[in-house]
PDB file of all heavy atoms in Angstrom:
ATOM      1  N   SER A   1     -48.111  -8.206   0.482  1.00  0.00           N
ATOM      2  CA  SER A   1     -48.275  -9.656   0.471  1.00  0.00           C
ATOM      3  C   SER A   1     -48.845 -10.117  -0.867  1.00  0.00           C
ATOM      4  O   SER A   1     -49.970  -9.760  -1.241  1.00  0.00           O
ATOM      5  CB  SER A   1     -49.209 -10.084   1.613  1.00  0.00           C
ATOM      6  OG  SER A   1     -49.433 -11.463   1.594  1.00  0.00           O
ATOM      7  N   LEU A   2     -48.026 -10.909  -1.600  1.00  0.00           N
ATOM      8  CA  LEU A   2     -48.432 -11.393  -2.920  1.00  0.00           C
ATOM      9  C   LEU A   2     -48.346 -12.917  -2.970  1.00  0.00           C
ATOM     10  O   LEU A   2     -47.325 -13.488  -2.589  1.00  0.00           O
ATOM     11  CB  LEU A   2     -47.533 -10.812  -4.010  1.00  0.00           C
ATOM     12  CG  LEU A   2     -47.578  -9.299  -4.221  1.00  0.00           C
ATOM     13  CD1 LEU A   2     -46.394  -8.864  -5.065  1.00  0.00           C
ATOM     14  CD2 LEU A   2     -48.886  -8.899  -4.897  1.00  0.00           C
ATOM     15  N   GLY A   3     -49.395 -13.546  -3.454  1.00  0.00           N
ATOM     16  CA  GLY A   3     -49.340 -14.977  -3.698  1.00  0.00           C
ATOM     17  C   GLY A   3     -48.982 -15.190  -5.163  1.00  0.00           C
ATOM     18  O   GLY A   3     -49.831 -15.035  -6.038  1.00  0.00           O
ATOM     19  N   VAL A   4     -47.719 -15.494  -5.442  1.00  0.00           N
ATOM     20  CA  VAL A   4     -47.227 -15.520  -6.819  1.00  0.00           C
ATOM     21  C   VAL A   4     -46.949 -16.949  -7.268  1.00  0.00           C
ATOM     22  O   VAL A   4     -46.307 -17.713  -6.558  1.00  0.00           O
ATOM     23  CB  VAL A   4     -45.943 -14.676  -6.950  1.00  0.00           C
ATOM     24  CG1 VAL A   4     -45.439 -14.708  -8.382  1.00  0.00           C
ATOM     25  CG2 VAL A   4     -46.206 -13.237  -6.513  1.00  0.00           C
ATOM     26  N   SER A   5     -47.420 -17.277  -8.460  1.00  0.00           N
ATOM     27  CA  SER A   5     -47.031 -18.524  -9.104  1.00  0.00           C
ATOM     28  C   SER A   5     -46.448 -18.184 -10.473  1.00  0.00           C
ATOM     29  O   SER A   5     -46.703 -17.113 -11.017  1.00  0.00           O
ATOM     30  CB  SER A   5     -48.227 -19.465  -9.270  1.00  0.00           C
ATOM     31  OG  SER A   5     -49.115 -18.965 -10.243  1.00  0.00           O
ATOM     32  N   LYS A   6     -45.661 -19.087 -11.034  1.00  0.00           N
ATOM     33  CA  LYS A   6     -44.955 -18.804 -12.279  1.00  0.00           C
ATOM     34  C   LYS A   6     -45.894 -18.580 -13.460  1.00  0.00           C
ATOM     35  O   LYS A   6     -45.529 -17.965 -14.447  1.00  0.00           O
ATOM     36  CB  LYS A   6     -43.972 -19.937 -12.591  1.00  0.00           C
ATOM     37  CG  LYS A   6     -42.791 -19.984 -11.623  1.00  0.00           C
ATOM     38  CD  LYS A   6     -41.788 -21.043 -12.035  1.00  0.00           C
ATOM     39  CE  LYS A   6     -40.583 -21.040 -11.102  1.00  0.00           C
ATOM     40  NZ  LYS A   6     -39.595 -22.088 -11.469  1.00  0.00           N
ATOM     41  N   ARG A   7     -47.101 -19.075 -13.384  1.00  0.00           N
ATOM     42  CA  ARG A   7     -48.021 -18.952 -14.509  1.00  0.00           C
ATOM     43  C   ARG A   7     -48.984 -17.780 -14.357  1.00  0.00           C
ATOM     44  O   ARG A   7     -49.835 -17.556 -15.212  1.00  0.00           O
ATOM     45  CB  ARG A   7     -48.825 -20.246 -14.658  1.00  0.00           C
ATOM     46  CG  ARG A   7     -47.947 -21.444 -15.041  1.00  0.00           C
ATOM     47  CD  ARG A   7     -48.793 -22.666 -15.321  1.00  0.00           C
ATOM     48  NE  ARG A   7     -47.974 -23.809 -15.717  1.00  0.00           N
ATOM     49  CZ  ARG A   7     -48.445 -24.982 -16.061  1.00  0.00           C
ATOM     50  NH1 ARG A   7     -49.766 -25.188 -16.049  1.00  0.00           N
ATOM     51  NH2 ARG A   7     -47.637 -25.971 -16.409  1.00  0.00           N
ATOM     52  N   THR A   8     -48.857 -17.016 -13.283  1.00  0.00           N
ATOM     53  CA  THR A   8     -49.765 -15.912 -13.029  1.00  0.00           C
ATOM     54  C   THR A   8     -49.209 -14.631 -13.625  1.00  0.00           C
ATOM     55  O   THR A   8     -48.066 -14.257 -13.351  1.00  0.00           O
ATOM     56  CB  THR A   8     -49.985 -15.723 -11.517  1.00  0.00           C
ATOM     57  OG1 THR A   8     -50.430 -16.953 -10.951  1.00  0.00           O
ATOM     58  CG2 THR A   8     -51.012 -14.644 -11.252  1.00  0.00           C
ATOM     59  N   LEU A   9     -49.993 -13.939 -14.437  1.00  0.00           N
ATOM     60  CA  LEU A   9     -49.546 -12.690 -15.059  1.00  0.00           C
ATOM     61  C   LEU A   9     -49.955 -11.463 -14.255  1.00  0.00           C
ATOM     62  O   LEU A   9     -49.281 -10.435 -14.309  1.00  0.00           O
ATOM     63  CB  LEU A   9     -50.113 -12.577 -16.484  1.00  0.00           C
ATOM     64  CG  LEU A   9     -49.644 -13.632 -17.484  1.00  0.00           C
ATOM     65  CD1 LEU A   9     -50.326 -13.416 -18.827  1.00  0.00           C
ATOM     66  CD2 LEU A   9     -48.133 -13.582 -17.643  1.00  0.00           C
ATOM     67  N   LEU A  10     -51.058 -11.564 -13.519  1.00  0.00           N
ATOM     68  CA  LEU A  10     -51.564 -10.428 -12.750  1.00  0.00           C
ATOM     69  C   LEU A  10     -51.955 -10.910 -11.359  1.00  0.00           C
ATOM     70  O   LEU A  10     -52.779 -11.819 -11.227  1.00  0.00           O
ATOM     71  CB  LEU A  10     -52.770  -9.798 -13.458  1.00  0.00           C
ATOM     72  CG  LEU A  10     -53.353  -8.535 -12.828  1.00  0.00           C
ATOM     73  CD1 LEU A  10     -52.340  -7.391 -12.891  1.00  0.00           C
ATOM     74  CD2 LEU A  10     -54.643  -8.128 -13.543  1.00  0.00           C
ATOM     75  N   VAL A  11     -51.340 -10.317 -10.337  1.00  0.00           N
ATOM     76  CA  VAL A  11     -51.579 -10.743  -8.957  1.00  0.00           C
ATOM     77  C   VAL A  11     -51.965  -9.531  -8.116  1.00  0.00           C
ATOM     78  O   VAL A  11     -51.294  -8.499  -8.152  1.00  0.00           O
ATOM     79  CB  VAL A  11     -50.318 -11.398  -8.348  1.00  0.00           C
ATOM     80  CG1 VAL A  11     -50.584 -11.811  -6.903  1.00  0.00           C
ATOM     81  CG2 VAL A  11     -49.898 -12.597  -9.174  1.00  0.00           C
ATOM     82  N   GLN A  12     -53.035  -9.676  -7.347  1.00  0.00           N
ATOM     83  CA  GLN A  12     -53.472  -8.604  -6.461  1.00  0.00           C
ATOM     84  C   GLN A  12     -52.951  -8.857  -5.048  1.00  0.00           C
ATOM     85  O   GLN A  12     -52.994  -9.979  -4.552  1.00  0.00           O
ATOM     86  CB  GLN A  12     -54.996  -8.521  -6.448  1.00  0.00           C
ATOM     87  CG  GLN A  12     -55.543  -7.356  -5.633  1.00  0.00           C
ATOM     88  CD  GLN A  12     -57.048  -7.211  -5.794  1.00  0.00           C
ATOM     89  OE1 GLN A  12     -57.607  -7.516  -6.844  1.00  0.00           O
ATOM     90  NE2 GLN A  12     -57.704  -6.747  -4.736  1.00  0.00           N
ATOM     91  N   ALA A  13     -52.441  -7.804  -4.411  1.00  0.00           N
ATOM     92  CA  ALA A  13     -51.964  -7.927  -3.034  1.00  0.00           C
ATOM     93  C   ALA A  13     -53.151  -8.130  -2.105  1.00  0.00           C
ATOM     94  O   ALA A  13     -54.230  -7.578  -2.318  1.00  0.00           O
ATOM     95  CB  ALA A  13     -51.185  -6.682  -2.628  1.00  0.00           C
ATOM     96  N   GLY A  14     -52.913  -8.917  -1.057  1.00  0.00           N
ATOM     97  CA  GLY A  14     -53.997  -9.194  -0.124  1.00  0.00           C
ATOM     98  C   GLY A  14     -54.146  -8.154   0.962  1.00  0.00           C
ATOM     99  O   GLY A  14     -55.161  -8.135   1.665  1.00  0.00           O
ATOM    100  N   ASN A  15     -53.163  -7.273   1.113  1.00  0.00           N
ATOM    101  CA  ASN A  15     -53.185  -6.350   2.254  1.00  0.00           C
ATOM    102  C   ASN A  15     -52.851  -4.910   1.879  1.00  0.00           C
ATOM    103  O   ASN A  15     -52.546  -4.090   2.740  1.00  0.00           O
ATOM    104  CB  ASN A  15     -52.191  -6.825   3.309  1.00  0.00           C
ATOM    105  CG  ASN A  15     -50.771  -6.909   2.777  1.00  0.00           C
ATOM    106  OD1 ASN A  15     -50.549  -6.835   1.568  1.00  0.00           O
ATOM    107  ND2 ASN A  15     -49.822  -7.056   3.680  1.00  0.00           N
ATOM    108  N   PHE A  16     -52.884  -4.591   0.580  1.00  0.00           N
ATOM    109  CA  PHE A  16     -52.547  -3.236   0.130  1.00  0.00           C
ATOM    110  C   PHE A  16     -53.172  -3.050  -1.253  1.00  0.00           C
ATOM    111  O   PHE A  16     -53.216  -3.998  -2.040  1.00  0.00           O
ATOM    112  CB  PHE A  16     -51.017  -3.079   0.054  1.00  0.00           C
ATOM    113  CG  PHE A  16     -50.549  -1.650  -0.066  1.00  0.00           C
ATOM    114  CD1 PHE A  16     -50.548  -0.807   1.025  1.00  0.00           C
ATOM    115  CD2 PHE A  16     -50.117  -1.155  -1.285  1.00  0.00           C
ATOM    116  CE1 PHE A  16     -50.127   0.514   0.913  1.00  0.00           C
ATOM    117  CE2 PHE A  16     -49.686   0.158  -1.406  1.00  0.00           C
ATOM    118  CZ  PHE A  16     -49.687   0.992  -0.294  1.00  0.00           C
ATOM    119  N   PRO A  17     -53.670  -1.852  -1.585  1.00  0.00           N
ATOM    120  CA  PRO A  17     -54.392  -1.657  -2.856  1.00  0.00           C
ATOM    121  C   PRO A  17     -53.475  -1.571  -4.088  1.00  0.00           C
ATOM    122  O   PRO A  17     -53.439  -0.565  -4.795  1.00  0.00           O
ATOM    123  CB  PRO A  17     -55.158  -0.354  -2.628  1.00  0.00           C
ATOM    124  CG  PRO A  17     -54.317   0.405  -1.652  1.00  0.00           C
ATOM    125  CD  PRO A  17     -53.740  -0.638  -0.729  1.00  0.00           C
ATOM    126  N   VAL A  18     -52.710  -2.638  -4.314  1.00  0.00           N
ATOM    127  CA  VAL A  18     -51.880  -2.724  -5.519  1.00  0.00           C
ATOM    128  C   VAL A  18     -52.068  -4.085  -6.168  1.00  0.00           C
ATOM    129  O   VAL A  18     -52.416  -5.058  -5.500  1.00  0.00           O
ATOM    130  CB  VAL A  18     -50.370  -2.507  -5.223  1.00  0.00           C
ATOM    131  CG1 VAL A  18     -50.107  -1.157  -4.598  1.00  0.00           C
ATOM    132  CG2 VAL A  18     -49.797  -3.634  -4.391  1.00  0.00           C
ATOM    133  N   GLU A  19     -51.828  -4.134  -7.470  1.00  0.00           N
ATOM    134  CA  GLU A  19     -51.759  -5.392  -8.186  1.00  0.00           C
ATOM    135  C   GLU A  19     -50.502  -5.358  -9.050  1.00  0.00           C
ATOM    136  O   GLU A  19     -50.088  -4.304  -9.531  1.00  0.00           O
ATOM    137  CB  GLU A  19     -53.019  -5.641  -9.018  1.00  0.00           C
ATOM    138  CG  GLU A  19     -53.351  -4.558 -10.018  1.00  0.00           C
ATOM    139  CD  GLU A  19     -54.666  -4.839 -10.723  1.00  0.00           C
ATOM    140  OE1 GLU A  19     -55.354  -5.809 -10.375  1.00  0.00           O
ATOM    141  OE2 GLU A  19     -55.015  -4.054 -11.643  1.00  0.00           O
ATOM    142  N   VAL A  20     -49.888  -6.517  -9.216  1.00  0.00           N
ATOM    143  CA  VAL A  20     -48.615  -6.612  -9.925  1.00  0.00           C
ATOM    144  C   VAL A  20     -48.826  -7.330 -11.255  1.00  0.00           C
ATOM    145  O   VAL A  20     -49.391  -8.426 -11.298  1.00  0.00           O
ATOM    146  CB  VAL A  20     -47.562  -7.347  -9.070  1.00  0.00           C
ATOM    147  CG1 VAL A  20     -46.270  -7.538  -9.863  1.00  0.00           C
ATOM    148  CG2 VAL A  20     -47.278  -6.562  -7.794  1.00  0.00           C
ATOM    149  N   LEU A  21     -48.381  -6.684 -12.323  1.00  0.00           N
ATOM    150  CA  LEU A  21     -48.463  -7.233 -13.670  1.00  0.00           C
ATOM    151  C   LEU A  21     -47.052  -7.666 -14.089  1.00  0.00           C
ATOM    152  O   LEU A  21     -46.129  -6.854 -14.116  1.00  0.00           O
ATOM    153  CB  LEU A  21     -48.993  -6.178 -14.635  1.00  0.00           C
ATOM    154  CG  LEU A  21     -49.042  -6.534 -16.128  1.00  0.00           C
ATOM    155  CD1 LEU A  21     -50.030  -7.668 -16.377  1.00  0.00           C
ATOM    156  CD2 LEU A  21     -49.406  -5.301 -16.950  1.00  0.00           C
ATOM    157  N   PHE A  22     -46.881  -8.947 -14.406  1.00  0.00           N
ATOM    158  CA  PHE A  22     -45.557  -9.478 -14.756  1.00  0.00           C
ATOM    159  C   PHE A  22     -45.371  -9.450 -16.274  1.00  0.00           C
ATOM    160  O   PHE A  22     -46.165 -10.025 -17.019  1.00  0.00           O
ATOM    161  CB  PHE A  22     -45.399 -10.898 -14.216  1.00  0.00           C
ATOM    162  CG  PHE A  22     -45.419 -10.961 -12.721  1.00  0.00           C
ATOM    163  CD1 PHE A  22     -46.557 -11.365 -12.041  1.00  0.00           C
ATOM    164  CD2 PHE A  22     -44.308 -10.596 -11.984  1.00  0.00           C
ATOM    165  CE1 PHE A  22     -46.585 -11.417 -10.655  1.00  0.00           C
ATOM    166  CE2 PHE A  22     -44.322 -10.635 -10.602  1.00  0.00           C
ATOM    167  CZ  PHE A  22     -45.455 -11.044  -9.938  1.00  0.00           C
ATOM    168  N   LEU A  23     -44.284  -8.775 -16.698  1.00  0.00           N
ATOM    169  CA  LEU A  23     -44.023  -8.584 -18.121  1.00  0.00           C
ATOM    170  C   LEU A  23     -42.547  -8.809 -18.440  1.00  0.00           C
ATOM    171  O   LEU A  23     -41.700  -8.857 -17.538  1.00  0.00           O
ATOM    172  CB  LEU A  23     -44.379  -7.140 -18.536  1.00  0.00           C
ATOM    173  CG  LEU A  23     -45.830  -6.691 -18.382  1.00  0.00           C
ATOM    174  CD1 LEU A  23     -45.927  -5.196 -18.664  1.00  0.00           C
ATOM    175  CD2 LEU A  23     -46.744  -7.457 -19.333  1.00  0.00           C
ATOM    176  N   ARG A  24     -42.218  -8.897 -19.721  1.00  0.00           N
ATOM    177  CA  ARG A  24     -40.830  -8.833 -20.156  1.00  0.00           C
ATOM    178  C   ARG A  24     -40.287  -7.440 -19.826  1.00  0.00           C
ATOM    179  O   ARG A  24     -41.028  -6.449 -19.892  1.00  0.00           O
ATOM    180  CB  ARG A  24     -40.729  -9.064 -21.662  1.00  0.00           C
ATOM    181  CG  ARG A  24     -40.885 -10.505 -22.107  1.00  0.00           C
ATOM    182  CD  ARG A  24     -41.073 -10.564 -23.615  1.00  0.00           C
ATOM    183  NE  ARG A  24     -40.141  -9.690 -24.321  1.00  0.00           N
ATOM    184  CZ  ARG A  24     -39.042 -10.115 -24.950  1.00  0.00           C
ATOM    185  NH1 ARG A  24     -38.737 -11.405 -24.939  1.00  0.00           N
ATOM    186  NH2 ARG A  24     -38.265  -9.272 -25.593  1.00  0.00           N
ATOM    187  N   ASP A  25     -38.998  -7.361 -19.501  1.00  0.00           N
ATOM    188  CA  ASP A  25     -38.434  -6.078 -19.103  1.00  0.00           C
ATOM    189  C   ASP A  25     -38.584  -5.006 -20.179  1.00  0.00           C
ATOM    190  O   ASP A  25     -38.881  -3.845 -19.875  1.00  0.00           O
ATOM    191  CB  ASP A  25     -36.961  -6.227 -18.701  1.00  0.00           C
ATOM    192  CG  ASP A  25     -36.111  -6.861 -19.797  1.00  0.00           C
ATOM    193  OD1 ASP A  25     -36.682  -7.374 -20.768  1.00  0.00           O
ATOM    194  OD2 ASP A  25     -34.876  -6.847 -19.652  1.00  0.00           O
ATOM    195  N   ASP A  26     -38.440  -5.384 -21.454  1.00  0.00           N
ATOM    196  CA  ASP A  26     -38.516  -4.378 -22.512  1.00  0.00           C
ATOM    197  C   ASP A  26     -39.949  -3.954 -22.831  1.00  0.00           C
ATOM    198  O   ASP A  26     -40.165  -3.004 -23.591  1.00  0.00           O
ATOM    199  CB  ASP A  26     -37.801  -4.851 -23.784  1.00  0.00           C
ATOM    200  CG  ASP A  26     -38.258  -6.239 -24.234  1.00  0.00           C
ATOM    201  OD1 ASP A  26     -39.105  -6.843 -23.563  1.00  0.00           O
ATOM    202  OD2 ASP A  26     -37.757  -6.711 -25.268  1.00  0.00           O
ATOM    203  N   ASP A  27     -40.944  -4.634 -22.262  1.00  0.00           N
ATOM    204  CA  ASP A  27     -42.342  -4.235 -22.454  1.00  0.00           C
ATOM    205  C   ASP A  27     -42.833  -3.277 -21.356  1.00  0.00           C
ATOM    206  O   ASP A  27     -43.899  -2.672 -21.507  1.00  0.00           O
ATOM    207  CB  ASP A  27     -43.252  -5.466 -22.459  1.00  0.00           C
ATOM    208  CG  ASP A  27     -43.102  -6.308 -23.721  1.00  0.00           C
ATOM    209  OD1 ASP A  27     -42.695  -5.747 -24.750  1.00  0.00           O
ATOM    210  OD2 ASP A  27     -43.366  -7.518 -23.661  1.00  0.00           O
ATOM    211  N   ILE A  28     -42.072  -3.157 -20.274  1.00  0.00           N
ATOM    212  CA  ILE A  28     -42.541  -2.371 -19.128  1.00  0.00           C
ATOM    213  C   ILE A  28     -42.660  -0.875 -19.450  1.00  0.00           C
ATOM    214  O   ILE A  28     -43.694  -0.257 -19.129  1.00  0.00           O
ATOM    215  CB  ILE A  28     -41.653  -2.620 -17.897  1.00  0.00           C
ATOM    216  CG1 ILE A  28     -41.858  -4.069 -17.408  1.00  0.00           C
ATOM    217  CG2 ILE A  28     -41.981  -1.635 -16.771  1.00  0.00           C
ATOM    218  CD1 ILE A  28     -40.948  -4.490 -16.278  1.00  0.00           C
ATOM    219  N   PRO A  29     -41.667  -0.229 -20.075  1.00  0.00           N
ATOM    220  CA  PRO A  29     -41.825   1.205 -20.360  1.00  0.00           C
ATOM    221  C   PRO A  29     -43.064   1.520 -21.197  1.00  0.00           C
ATOM    222  O   PRO A  29     -43.797   2.473 -20.904  1.00  0.00           O
ATOM    223  CB  PRO A  29     -40.532   1.555 -21.113  1.00  0.00           C
ATOM    224  CG  PRO A  29     -39.531   0.567 -20.615  1.00  0.00           C
ATOM    225  CD  PRO A  29     -40.308  -0.699 -20.434  1.00  0.00           C
ATOM    226  N   GLN A  30     -43.325   0.714 -22.217  1.00  0.00           N
ATOM    227  CA  GLN A  30     -44.492   0.945 -23.065  1.00  0.00           C
ATOM    228  C   GLN A  30     -45.791   0.717 -22.302  1.00  0.00           C
ATOM    229  O   GLN A  30     -46.763   1.456 -22.474  1.00  0.00           O
ATOM    230  CB  GLN A  30     -44.444   0.030 -24.289  1.00  0.00           C
ATOM    231  CG  GLN A  30     -45.596   0.264 -25.269  1.00  0.00           C
ATOM    232  CD  GLN A  30     -45.530  -0.645 -26.480  1.00  0.00           C
ATOM    233  OE1 GLN A  30     -44.828  -1.648 -26.473  1.00  0.00           O
ATOM    234  NE2 GLN A  30     -46.254  -0.297 -27.526  1.00  0.00           N
ATOM    235  N   SER A  31     -45.818  -0.297 -21.447  1.00  0.00           N
ATOM    236  CA  SER A  31     -47.047  -0.576 -20.695  1.00  0.00           C
ATOM    237  C   SER A  31     -47.382   0.569 -19.745  1.00  0.00           C
ATOM    238  O   SER A  31     -48.552   0.893 -19.538  1.00  0.00           O
ATOM    239  CB  SER A  31     -46.914  -1.893 -19.918  1.00  0.00           C
ATOM    240  OG  SER A  31     -46.063  -1.754 -18.806  1.00  0.00           O
ATOM    241  N   VAL A  32     -46.353   1.193 -19.171  1.00  0.00           N
ATOM    242  CA  VAL A  32     -46.582   2.328 -18.263  1.00  0.00           C
ATOM    243  C   VAL A  32     -46.987   3.568 -19.064  1.00  0.00           C
ATOM    244  O   VAL A  32     -47.936   4.270 -18.710  1.00  0.00           O
ATOM    245  CB  VAL A  32     -45.325   2.608 -17.419  1.00  0.00           C
ATOM    246  CG1 VAL A  32     -45.499   3.898 -16.608  1.00  0.00           C
ATOM    247  CG2 VAL A  32     -45.045   1.435 -16.485  1.00  0.00           C
ATOM    248  N   ALA A  33     -46.274   3.847 -20.144  1.00  0.00           N
ATOM    249  CA  ALA A  33     -46.601   5.014 -20.975  1.00  0.00           C
ATOM    250  C   ALA A  33     -48.004   4.915 -21.560  1.00  0.00           C
ATOM    251  O   ALA A  33     -48.714   5.915 -21.679  1.00  0.00           O
ATOM    252  CB  ALA A  33     -45.570   5.161 -22.090  1.00  0.00           C
ATOM    253  N   GLY A  34     -48.434   3.691 -21.913  1.00  0.00           N
ATOM    254  CA  GLY A  34     -49.749   3.490 -22.514  1.00  0.00           C
ATOM    255  C   GLY A  34     -50.876   3.352 -21.514  1.00  0.00           C
ATOM    256  O   GLY A  34     -52.045   3.224 -21.920  1.00  0.00           O
ATOM    257  N   GLY A  35     -50.564   3.332 -20.225  1.00  0.00           N
ATOM    258  CA  GLY A  35     -51.604   3.249 -19.205  1.00  0.00           C
ATOM    259  C   GLY A  35     -52.058   1.846 -18.870  1.00  0.00           C
ATOM    260  O   GLY A  35     -52.987   1.667 -18.083  1.00  0.00           O
ATOM    261  N   VAL A  36     -51.408   0.841 -19.451  1.00  0.00           N
ATOM    262  CA  VAL A  36     -51.736  -0.541 -19.082  1.00  0.00           C
ATOM    263  C   VAL A  36     -51.342  -0.779 -17.628  1.00  0.00           C
ATOM    264  O   VAL A  36     -52.019  -1.495 -16.894  1.00  0.00           O
ATOM    265  CB  VAL A  36     -50.999  -1.539 -20.006  1.00  0.00           C
ATOM    266  CG1 VAL A  36     -51.236  -2.978 -19.549  1.00  0.00           C
ATOM    267  CG2 VAL A  36     -51.468  -1.355 -21.443  1.00  0.00           C
ATOM    268  N   ALA A  37     -50.237  -0.181 -17.208  1.00  0.00           N
ATOM    269  CA  ALA A  37     -49.814  -0.172 -15.806  1.00  0.00           C
ATOM    270  C   ALA A  37     -49.641   1.282 -15.382  1.00  0.00           C
ATOM    271  O   ALA A  37     -49.351   2.154 -16.217  1.00  0.00           O
ATOM    272  CB  ALA A  37     -48.512  -0.940 -15.626  1.00  0.00           C
ATOM    273  N   ASP A  38     -49.844   1.543 -14.090  1.00  0.00           N
ATOM    274  CA  ASP A  38     -49.690   2.914 -13.585  1.00  0.00           C
ATOM    275  C   ASP A  38     -48.220   3.245 -13.328  1.00  0.00           C
ATOM    276  O   ASP A  38     -47.768   4.364 -13.598  1.00  0.00           O
ATOM    277  CB  ASP A  38     -50.491   3.087 -12.289  1.00  0.00           C
ATOM    278  CG  ASP A  38     -51.951   2.753 -12.486  1.00  0.00           C
ATOM    279  OD1 ASP A  38     -52.593   3.391 -13.345  1.00  0.00           O
ATOM    280  OD2 ASP A  38     -52.447   1.838 -11.794  1.00  0.00           O
ATOM    281  N   VAL A  39     -47.500   2.276 -12.791  1.00  0.00           N
ATOM    282  CA  VAL A  39     -46.065   2.437 -12.531  1.00  0.00           C
ATOM    283  C   VAL A  39     -45.372   1.135 -12.918  1.00  0.00           C
ATOM    284  O   VAL A  39     -46.014   0.099 -13.104  1.00  0.00           O
ATOM    285  CB  VAL A  39     -45.768   2.773 -11.049  1.00  0.00           C
ATOM    286  CG1 VAL A  39     -46.350   4.127 -10.663  1.00  0.00           C
ATOM    287  CG2 VAL A  39     -46.292   1.682 -10.120  1.00  0.00           C
ATOM    288  N   GLY A  40     -44.060   1.204 -13.026  1.00  0.00           N
ATOM    289  CA  GLY A  40     -43.306  -0.003 -13.341  1.00  0.00           C
ATOM    290  C   GLY A  40     -41.922   0.070 -12.737  1.00  0.00           C
ATOM    291  O   GLY A  40     -41.375   1.163 -12.532  1.00  0.00           O
ATOM    292  N   ILE A  41     -41.365  -1.085 -12.433  1.00  0.00           N
ATOM    293  CA  ILE A  41     -39.990  -1.168 -11.956  1.00  0.00           C
ATOM    294  C   ILE A  41     -39.171  -1.795 -13.076  1.00  0.00           C
ATOM    295  O   ILE A  41     -39.416  -2.930 -13.472  1.00  0.00           O
ATOM    296  CB  ILE A  41     -39.892  -1.977 -10.651  1.00  0.00           C
ATOM    297  CG1 ILE A  41     -40.664  -1.252  -9.542  1.00  0.00           C
ATOM    298  CG2 ILE A  41     -38.427  -2.180 -10.245  1.00  0.00           C
ATOM    299  CD1 ILE A  41     -40.699  -1.988  -8.211  1.00  0.00           C
ATOM    300  N   VAL A  42     -38.209  -1.024 -13.584  1.00  0.00           N
ATOM    301  CA  VAL A  42     -37.490  -1.430 -14.794  1.00  0.00           C
ATOM    302  C   VAL A  42     -36.060  -0.931 -14.721  1.00  0.00           C
ATOM    303  O   VAL A  42     -35.761   0.053 -14.041  1.00  0.00           O
ATOM    304  CB  VAL A  42     -38.209  -0.859 -16.045  1.00  0.00           C
ATOM    305  CG1 VAL A  42     -38.117   0.657 -16.096  1.00  0.00           C
ATOM    306  CG2 VAL A  42     -37.679  -1.476 -17.324  1.00  0.00           C
ATOM    307  N   GLY A  43     -35.173  -1.611 -15.431  1.00  0.00           N
ATOM    308  CA  GLY A  43     -33.802  -1.152 -15.507  1.00  0.00           C
ATOM    309  C   GLY A  43     -33.711   0.161 -16.272  1.00  0.00           C
ATOM    310  O   GLY A  43     -34.409   0.374 -17.263  1.00  0.00           O
TER     311      GLY A  43
END
């Protein structure tokens, strides 16, 4: 369960220990490799 708005970059789930970081698709691999995010969903 995520309460998402277009201006929010980081959202914490209300019912599960995850938070979602919204990025440009080409920034996701680097953010995961660098430890800014633990996992990422990317093409």
